[in-house]
Amino acid sequence: MDVELRHLRCLVAVVETGSFTDAGIELGISQAAVSRGVAALERALGVRLLHRTTRSVEPTPAGERALRKARRVLSIVADLQREASDDGGTVRIGYAWSALGKHTQELQRRWASVFPHSELRLVKTNTPTAGLAEGTSDFAILRRVPDTSILDVVLIGHERRYCAMASVDPLARRRTVSLAQVADSPLAIDLRTGSTRLDLWPEDARPRRTIPIEDVDDWLTVIATGTARGVTAESTAYQYRRPGLVYRPVRDAPPLPVYAAWSKADPPPARQDVVELLAGFYRPPSPHGNRPESAGPLGQPVQ
């Protein structure tokens, strides 16, 4: 398979601009060169990627799949170029749903004083390792330890759990809710990166129906329509406000651990200083006074 980056750039540019002519202008090459690039990619993959008419250009189903992969590859290459040019001066902290919630802006402010020679970049990556396994982040903020041995993980704090619901939900009139009350409705749940699993409830009191979702935007949409409720971290409640959606604390839910992680094979420098900075935003004990789900003092490795 002879696929080149220029072929991927041609495909992405055609779809984003809507025409081969505009794609050529965007890329600084001729329309004919764009056509050759897309044709070469179609030959290499053995599928038709675009529907062409006299008025429009639309991706085929195979083209949609190729487009997602192409954008990801080009993003990784762009990150590689930035890393090579900045001498390691950029530190990428990945997260799947939310960074540090209400502490995020303060983290950005403090970073400049604690690490004056490096730039902080927060990267939203909906993967179980928040970009560590994919090489798109140096550190990750996790609220669920992934099932992998490639990471070093340390506990940095705890957050309250909140129930998200439509503003017309009967529970929206309450100041707080219980796990049993939440379970009366279908539960929207992200099995890949979400912080909530069914074992949060006793086995005989779990929600009878779950609605699987792909990411936080999908989760918000399902809940705002009143189709389901969701349970999430306090940081999500802070970061994702939407019309028609409200959050209420779940008073009897255990606090949610927050972790920092990085790759064992390629540990970033100054990681202890980064952990100390992140852990400084959280104060034990947990808000409920319950024993955390994961034992151990802040900043210590999680087994």
Protein backbone atom coordinates (compact mmCIF):
# COMPACT_ATOMS: atom_id res chain seq x y z
CA MET A 1 0.00 0.00 0.00
CA ASP A 2 1.58 3.25 -1.19
CA VAL A 3 -0.24 5.93 0.82
CA GLU A 4 1.44 9.31 1.22
CA LEU A 5 0.61 12.22 3.49
CA ARG A 6 -0.10 14.43 0.48
CA HIS A 7 -2.82 11.99 -0.58
CA LEU A 8 -4.46 12.27 2.84
CA ARG A 9 -4.22 16.06 2.76
CA CYS A 10 -5.93 16.10 -0.64
CA LEU A 11 -8.84 14.00 0.63
CA VAL A 12 -9.33 16.12 3.74
CA ALA A 13 -9.08 19.40 1.81
CA VAL A 14 -11.63 18.31 -0.82
CA VAL A 15 -14.19 17.31 1.80
CA GLU A 16 -13.64 20.39 3.96
CA THR A 17 -13.72 22.91 1.09
CA GLY A 18 -16.34 21.12 -1.00
CA SER A 19 -14.52 21.14 -4.32
CA PHE A 20 -11.26 20.13 -5.98
CA THR A 21 -10.67 23.72 -7.07
CA ASP A 22 -10.97 25.15 -3.58
CA ALA A 23 -8.90 22.28 -2.19
CA GLY A 24 -6.11 23.21 -4.59
CA ILE A 25 -6.26 26.81 -3.40
CA GLU A 26 -6.20 25.66 0.22
CA LEU A 27 -3.17 23.41 -0.37
CA GLY A 28 -1.37 25.74 -2.76
CA ILE A 29 -1.36 23.22 -5.62
CA SER A 30 -3.29 22.78 -8.86
CA GLN A 31 -6.74 21.24 -9.15
CA ALA A 32 -5.19 18.49 -11.28
CA ALA A 33 -2.69 17.68 -8.55
CA VAL A 34 -5.54 17.36 -6.03
CA SER A 35 -7.39 15.01 -8.38
CA ARG A 36 -4.28 12.89 -8.82
CA GLY A 37 -3.75 12.75 -5.06
CA VAL A 38 -7.30 11.54 -4.37
CA ALA A 39 -7.14 9.06 -7.25
CA ALA A 40 -3.84 7.68 -5.95
CA LEU A 41 -5.36 7.23 -2.49
CA GLU A 42 -8.39 5.43 -3.96
CA ARG A 43 -6.10 3.09 -5.91
CA ALA A 44 -3.99 2.37 -2.83
CA LEU A 45 -7.03 1.60 -0.68
CA GLY A 46 -8.97 -0.14 -3.42
CA VAL A 47 -12.23 1.73 -2.75
CA ARG A 48 -14.10 4.77 -4.04
CA LEU A 49 -13.77 7.58 -1.51
CA LEU A 50 -15.78 10.39 -3.09
CA HIS A 51 -19.05 10.79 -4.97
CA ARG A 52 -18.43 13.41 -7.65
CA THR A 53 -21.15 15.36 -9.45
CA THR A 54 -21.08 18.57 -11.42
CA ARG A 55 -22.31 20.46 -8.35
CA SER A 56 -20.89 18.72 -5.30
CA VAL A 57 -18.37 16.31 -3.86
CA GLU A 58 -19.45 14.01 -1.02
CA PRO A 59 -17.54 11.22 0.77
CA THR A 60 -18.76 7.66 0.32
CA PRO A 61 -19.21 5.48 3.43
CA ALA A 62 -15.67 4.22 2.86
CA GLY A 63 -14.60 7.82 2.37
CA GLU A 64 -16.09 8.82 5.72
CA ARG A 65 -14.08 6.10 7.45
CA ALA A 66 -10.92 7.05 5.58
CA LEU A 67 -11.51 10.71 6.37
CA ARG A 68 -11.59 10.07 10.13
CA LYS A 69 -8.35 8.10 9.96
CA ALA A 70 -6.72 10.67 7.68
CA ARG A 71 -7.49 13.51 10.07
CA ARG A 72 -6.08 11.50 12.95
CA VAL A 73 -2.88 10.69 11.06
CA LEU A 74 -2.40 14.31 10.00
CA SER A 75 -3.02 15.46 13.57
CA ILE A 76 -0.37 13.07 14.88
CA VAL A 77 2.10 14.26 12.24
CA ALA A 78 1.35 17.88 13.15
CA ASP A 79 2.03 17.07 16.82
CA LEU A 80 5.29 15.41 15.82
CA GLN A 81 6.34 18.51 13.90
CA ARG A 82 5.47 20.78 16.81
CA GLU A 83 7.39 18.60 19.25
CA ALA A 84 10.45 18.54 17.00
CA SER A 85 10.44 22.31 16.66
CA ASP A 86 9.76 23.36 20.26
CA ASP A 87 12.62 21.45 21.91
CA GLY A 88 10.22 19.72 24.28
CA GLY A 89 8.91 23.05 25.51
CA THR A 90 5.25 22.00 25.27
CA VAL A 91 3.67 19.68 27.83
CA ARG A 92 0.44 18.02 26.71
CA ILE A 93 -2.05 16.94 29.37
CA GLY A 94 -4.79 14.77 27.95
CA TYR A 95 -8.26 14.12 29.30
CA ALA A 96 -11.26 12.20 28.01
CA TRP A 97 -14.21 14.15 29.46
CA SER A 98 -12.96 17.01 31.58
CA ALA A 99 -9.62 18.32 32.79
CA LEU A 100 -9.66 19.67 36.36
CA GLY A 101 -13.12 21.23 36.21
CA LYS A 102 -13.26 24.41 38.28
CA HIS A 103 -9.49 24.17 38.84
CA THR A 104 -8.59 24.19 35.15
CA GLN A 105 -8.14 27.94 34.72
CA GLU A 106 -6.10 28.18 37.91
CA LEU A 107 -3.91 25.31 36.63
CA GLN A 108 -3.23 27.27 33.47
CA ARG A 109 -2.36 30.38 35.46
CA ARG A 110 -0.06 28.58 37.90
CA TRP A 111 1.66 26.59 35.18
CA ALA A 112 3.37 29.68 33.80
CA SER A 113 4.93 30.49 37.18
CA VAL A 114 5.88 26.93 38.14
CA PHE A 115 7.16 25.95 34.68
CA PRO A 116 8.16 29.24 33.01
CA HIS A 117 10.10 27.51 30.23
CA SER A 118 7.35 25.23 29.02
CA GLU A 119 3.89 25.72 27.54
CA LEU A 120 0.83 23.82 28.81
CA ARG A 121 -1.51 22.34 26.23
CA LEU A 122 -4.73 20.62 27.35
CA VAL A 123 -5.80 17.96 24.86
CA LYS A 124 -9.29 16.38 24.81
CA THR A 125 -8.85 12.78 23.63
CA ASN A 126 -11.69 10.29 24.03
CA THR A 127 -9.60 7.19 24.68
CA PRO A 128 -9.20 5.11 27.86
CA THR A 129 -5.67 6.47 28.39
CA ALA A 130 -6.54 10.05 27.35
CA GLY A 131 -3.98 9.97 24.58
CA LEU A 132 -1.05 8.30 26.36
CA ALA A 133 -1.27 5.02 24.43
CA GLU A 134 -1.73 6.95 21.20
CA GLY A 135 1.25 9.23 21.84
CA THR A 136 -0.82 12.43 21.73
CA SER A 137 -0.31 13.39 25.38
CA ASP A 138 2.55 13.43 27.90
CA PHE A 139 0.37 13.29 31.01
CA ALA A 140 -3.26 12.28 31.43
CA ILE A 141 -5.99 13.20 33.88
CA LEU A 142 -8.02 10.05 34.51
CA ARG A 143 -11.07 9.26 36.59
CA ARG A 144 -10.92 5.59 35.75
CA VAL A 145 -7.74 3.53 35.71
CA PRO A 146 -7.52 1.75 32.34
CA ASP A 147 -6.90 -1.97 32.16
CA THR A 148 -3.30 -1.73 31.04
CA SER A 149 0.16 -2.07 32.55
CA ILE A 150 1.84 0.53 30.32
CA LEU A 151 1.09 3.46 32.62
CA ASP A 152 2.31 4.86 35.91
CA VAL A 153 -0.74 6.16 37.77
CA VAL A 154 -0.88 8.32 40.92
CA LEU A 155 -3.85 9.54 42.94
CA ILE A 156 -4.15 13.33 42.96
CA GLY A 157 -7.56 13.90 44.55
CA HIS A 158 -11.28 13.15 44.77
CA GLU A 159 -14.44 14.75 43.40
CA ARG A 160 -18.11 14.53 44.26
CA ARG A 161 -20.41 12.68 41.90
CA TYR A 162 -23.28 14.50 40.22
CA CYS A 163 -26.39 13.31 38.42
CA ALA A 164 -27.10 14.98 35.09
CA MET A 165 -30.74 15.15 34.02
CA ALA A 166 -33.11 17.11 31.83
CA SER A 167 -34.41 20.30 33.44
CA VAL A 168 -37.96 18.87 33.21
CA ASP A 169 -36.98 15.73 35.14
CA PRO A 170 -38.91 15.41 38.45
CA LEU A 171 -35.59 15.07 40.29
CA ALA A 172 -34.50 18.49 39.03
CA ARG A 173 -36.62 20.09 41.78
CA ARG A 174 -34.44 18.47 44.45
CA ARG A 175 -31.20 19.87 45.85
CA THR A 176 -29.58 16.43 46.02
CA VAL A 177 -30.51 12.96 44.80
CA SER A 178 -29.75 9.39 45.84
CA LEU A 179 -28.41 6.50 43.82
CA ALA A 180 -31.74 4.71 44.18
CA GLN A 181 -33.59 7.71 42.75
CA VAL A 182 -31.18 7.96 39.82
CA ALA A 183 -31.70 4.26 39.03
CA ASP A 184 -35.42 4.78 38.35
CA SER A 185 -34.53 6.06 34.87
CA PRO A 186 -32.36 4.65 32.05
CA LEU A 187 -28.68 5.45 32.56
CA ALA A 188 -26.48 6.88 29.80
CA ILE A 189 -23.06 5.31 30.19
CA ASP A 190 -19.73 5.44 28.35
CA LEU A 191 -18.13 2.04 28.83
CA ARG A 192 -14.81 3.11 27.25
CA THR A 193 -13.88 6.32 29.04
CA GLY A 194 -16.72 7.21 31.42
CA SER A 195 -16.21 7.29 35.18
CA THR A 196 -19.51 5.55 36.01
CA ARG A 197 -20.13 1.82 35.95
CA LEU A 198 -23.04 -0.29 37.13
CA ASP A 199 -21.10 -1.54 40.15
CA LEU A 200 -21.66 1.90 41.66
CA TRP A 201 -25.07 0.49 42.68
CA PRO A 202 -25.81 -2.61 44.79
CA GLU A 203 -26.37 -5.58 42.51
CA ASP A 204 -30.09 -5.73 43.27
CA ALA A 205 -30.66 -1.99 42.82
CA ARG A 206 -28.96 -1.15 39.53
CA PRO A 207 -30.63 0.77 36.70
CA ARG A 208 -32.67 -1.68 34.66
CA ARG A 209 -31.68 -0.15 31.36
CA THR A 210 -28.50 1.50 30.11
CA ILE A 211 -27.97 3.53 26.96
CA PRO A 212 -24.42 3.21 25.59
CA ILE A 213 -22.88 6.44 24.32
CA GLU A 214 -19.59 7.26 22.59
CA ASP A 215 -18.38 10.48 24.22
CA VAL A 216 -19.38 13.40 26.41
CA ASP A 217 -21.21 15.26 23.64
CA ASP A 218 -23.31 12.18 22.86
CA TRP A 219 -23.95 11.79 26.61
CA LEU A 220 -25.12 15.39 26.97
CA THR A 221 -27.47 15.11 23.99
CA VAL A 222 -29.14 11.93 25.23
CA ILE A 223 -29.66 13.36 28.71
CA ALA A 224 -30.91 16.79 27.61
CA THR A 225 -33.70 15.12 25.62
CA GLY A 226 -34.94 13.37 28.78
CA THR A 227 -34.13 9.92 27.39
CA ALA A 228 -31.76 9.07 30.24
CA ARG A 229 -29.90 10.34 33.28
CA GLY A 230 -26.17 10.22 33.85
CA VAL A 231 -23.77 10.13 36.79
CA THR A 232 -20.47 11.90 36.41
CA ALA A 233 -17.64 13.75 38.13
CA GLU A 234 -18.00 17.22 39.61
CA SER A 235 -15.58 18.47 36.94
CA THR A 236 -17.99 17.46 34.17
CA ALA A 237 -20.81 19.34 35.87
CA TYR A 238 -18.61 22.43 35.95
CA GLN A 239 -17.21 22.18 32.42
CA TYR A 240 -20.31 21.17 30.45
CA ARG A 241 -23.27 23.46 31.03
CA ARG A 242 -26.10 23.04 28.51
CA PRO A 243 -29.56 24.60 28.13
CA GLY A 244 -32.22 22.17 29.27
CA LEU A 245 -29.82 20.18 31.46
CA VAL A 246 -29.13 20.38 35.20
CA TYR A 247 -26.77 18.67 37.66
CA ARG A 248 -27.54 17.58 41.21
CA PRO A 249 -25.11 16.09 43.77
CA VAL A 250 -25.56 12.36 44.47
CA ARG A 251 -25.49 12.44 48.24
CA ASP A 252 -24.84 8.74 48.94
CA ALA A 253 -22.32 8.03 46.15
CA PRO A 254 -18.68 7.46 47.13
CA PRO A 255 -16.24 10.16 46.03
CA LEU A 256 -14.60 9.71 42.65
CA PRO A 257 -10.80 9.35 42.52
CA VAL A 258 -8.84 11.61 40.16
CA TYR A 259 -5.52 10.33 38.83
CA ALA A 260 -2.51 11.62 36.94
CA ALA A 261 -0.80 9.16 34.62
CA TRP A 262 2.05 8.89 32.12
CA SER A 263 3.76 6.24 30.03
CA LYS A 264 6.17 3.91 31.83
CA ALA A 265 8.18 3.47 28.64
CA ASP A 266 8.58 7.20 28.03
CA PRO A 267 8.19 9.03 31.36
CA PRO A 268 8.09 12.82 30.99
CA PRO A 269 10.55 15.02 32.87
CA ALA A 270 9.53 16.95 36.00
CA ARG A 271 6.67 14.50 36.59
CA GLN A 272 6.93 14.77 40.36
CA ASP A 273 6.61 18.55 40.13
CA VAL A 274 3.60 18.17 37.83
CA VAL A 275 1.96 15.72 40.24
CA GLU A 276 2.53 18.08 43.17
CA LEU A 277 0.98 20.94 41.22
CA LEU A 278 -2.09 18.90 40.25
CA ALA A 279 -2.58 17.38 43.70
CA GLY A 280 -2.43 20.83 45.24
CA PHE A 281 -5.89 21.60 43.84
CA TYR A 282 -7.51 18.83 45.90
CA ARG A 283 -7.83 18.64 49.66
CA PRO A 284 -8.38 15.33 51.43
CA PRO A 285 -10.47 13.97 53.02
CA SER A 286 -13.22 13.53 50.47
CA PRO A 287 -16.31 15.81 50.57
CA HIS A 288 -18.53 13.05 51.99
CA GLY A 289 -16.07 11.94 54.64
CA ASN A 290 -16.20 8.41 53.21
CA ARG A 291 -13.15 6.33 52.57
CA PRO A 292 -11.96 6.91 48.99
CA GLU A 293 -12.43 4.11 46.46
CA SER A 294 -8.65 3.96 46.02
CA ALA A 295 -6.56 4.01 49.15
CA GLY A 296 -3.28 5.82 49.55
CA PRO A 297 -2.16 9.43 50.08
CA LEU A 298 -2.25 11.93 47.27
CA GLY A 299 0.65 11.76 44.86
CA GLN A 300 1.40 8.11 45.60
CA PRO A 301 1.42 5.36 42.93
CA VAL A 302 -1.77 3.37 42.42
CA GLN A 303 -1.29 -0.36 42.08
